[in-house]
Amino acid sequence: MSTAQKSHTELNPIQVSLLRLFNRPMSEEETMELKTLLVNHYSNLLEEEVTKVIAEKGYTQKDFDKMLNGS
């Protein structure tokens, strides 16, 4: 997962497909369900990435405590 983003104006094929898929009236409930689904998806991706970095760096709870306490 890359955090760098290029500035562009063209939509990729997935974005176009999603626009077509959701080009219809939706209730507030449907809208919230979709937002929740997307937030959960990206939250899971972020959690996987953080877990990977923690393992690669070998961080321990003691390291995090030091970071939080500014030591």
Protein backbone atom coordinates (compact mmCIF):
# COMPACT_ATOMS: atom_id res chain seq x y z
CA MET A 1 0.00 0.00 0.00
CA SER A 2 1.53 3.26 -1.09
CA THR A 3 0.83 6.57 0.62
CA ALA A 4 2.21 8.69 -2.23
CA GLN A 5 -0.46 9.89 -4.59
CA LYS A 6 -0.09 11.39 -8.03
CA SER A 7 -2.20 14.38 -8.95
CA HIS A 8 -4.40 13.51 -11.90
CA THR A 9 -7.78 14.28 -13.37
CA GLU A 10 -8.64 11.09 -15.25
CA LEU A 11 -10.75 8.40 -13.61
CA ASN A 12 -9.42 4.87 -13.60
CA PRO A 13 -11.61 1.99 -14.83
CA ILE A 14 -12.72 1.03 -11.31
CA GLN A 15 -13.82 4.59 -10.56
CA VAL A 16 -15.83 4.74 -13.78
CA SER A 17 -17.41 1.38 -12.99
CA LEU A 18 -18.37 2.53 -9.48
CA LEU A 19 -19.89 5.74 -10.83
CA ARG A 20 -22.02 3.71 -13.23
CA LEU A 21 -22.99 1.24 -10.51
CA PHE A 22 -24.13 3.96 -8.13
CA ASN A 23 -25.75 6.22 -10.70
CA ARG A 24 -29.15 5.76 -9.09
CA PRO A 25 -31.10 7.18 -6.17
CA MET A 26 -29.95 5.85 -2.79
CA SER A 27 -31.42 6.24 0.64
CA GLU A 28 -29.44 7.79 3.48
CA GLU A 29 -29.20 4.31 5.00
CA GLU A 30 -27.69 2.85 1.81
CA THR A 31 -25.24 5.73 1.62
CA MET A 32 -24.12 5.16 5.21
CA GLU A 33 -23.77 1.41 4.63
CA LEU A 34 -21.50 2.05 1.66
CA LYS A 35 -19.43 4.59 3.56
CA THR A 36 -19.08 2.15 6.45
CA LEU A 37 -18.05 -0.62 4.09
CA LEU A 38 -15.35 1.55 2.52
CA VAL A 39 -14.08 2.84 5.86
CA ASN A 40 -13.85 -0.73 7.19
CA HIS A 41 -12.02 -1.86 4.07
CA TYR A 42 -9.41 0.89 4.26
CA SER A 43 -9.12 0.47 8.02
CA ASN A 44 -8.27 -3.20 7.50
CA LEU A 45 -5.67 -2.30 4.86
CA LEU A 46 -4.11 0.24 7.21
CA GLU A 47 -4.05 -2.24 10.08
CA GLU A 48 -2.29 -4.80 7.87
CA GLU A 49 0.28 -2.22 6.80
CA VAL A 50 0.94 -1.08 10.37
CA THR A 51 1.30 -4.68 11.54
CA LYS A 52 3.78 -5.31 8.72
CA VAL A 53 5.86 -2.24 9.60
CA ILE A 54 5.85 -3.12 13.31
CA ALA A 55 7.15 -6.60 12.47
CA GLU A 56 9.78 -5.26 10.03
CA LYS A 57 11.03 -2.67 12.53
CA GLY A 58 10.79 -5.06 15.48
CA TYR A 59 8.88 -2.56 17.62
CA THR A 60 7.75 -3.70 21.05
CA GLN A 61 5.26 -2.26 23.53
CA LYS A 62 8.22 -0.76 25.35
CA ASP A 63 9.20 1.11 22.17
CA PHE A 64 5.68 2.51 21.82
CA ASP A 65 5.63 3.56 25.47
CA LYS A 66 8.91 5.43 24.93
CA MET A 67 7.47 7.16 21.84
CA LEU A 68 4.35 8.20 23.75
CA ASN A 69 6.30 9.51 26.70
CA GLY A 70 8.85 11.37 24.57
CA SER A 71 11.76 9.39 26.01
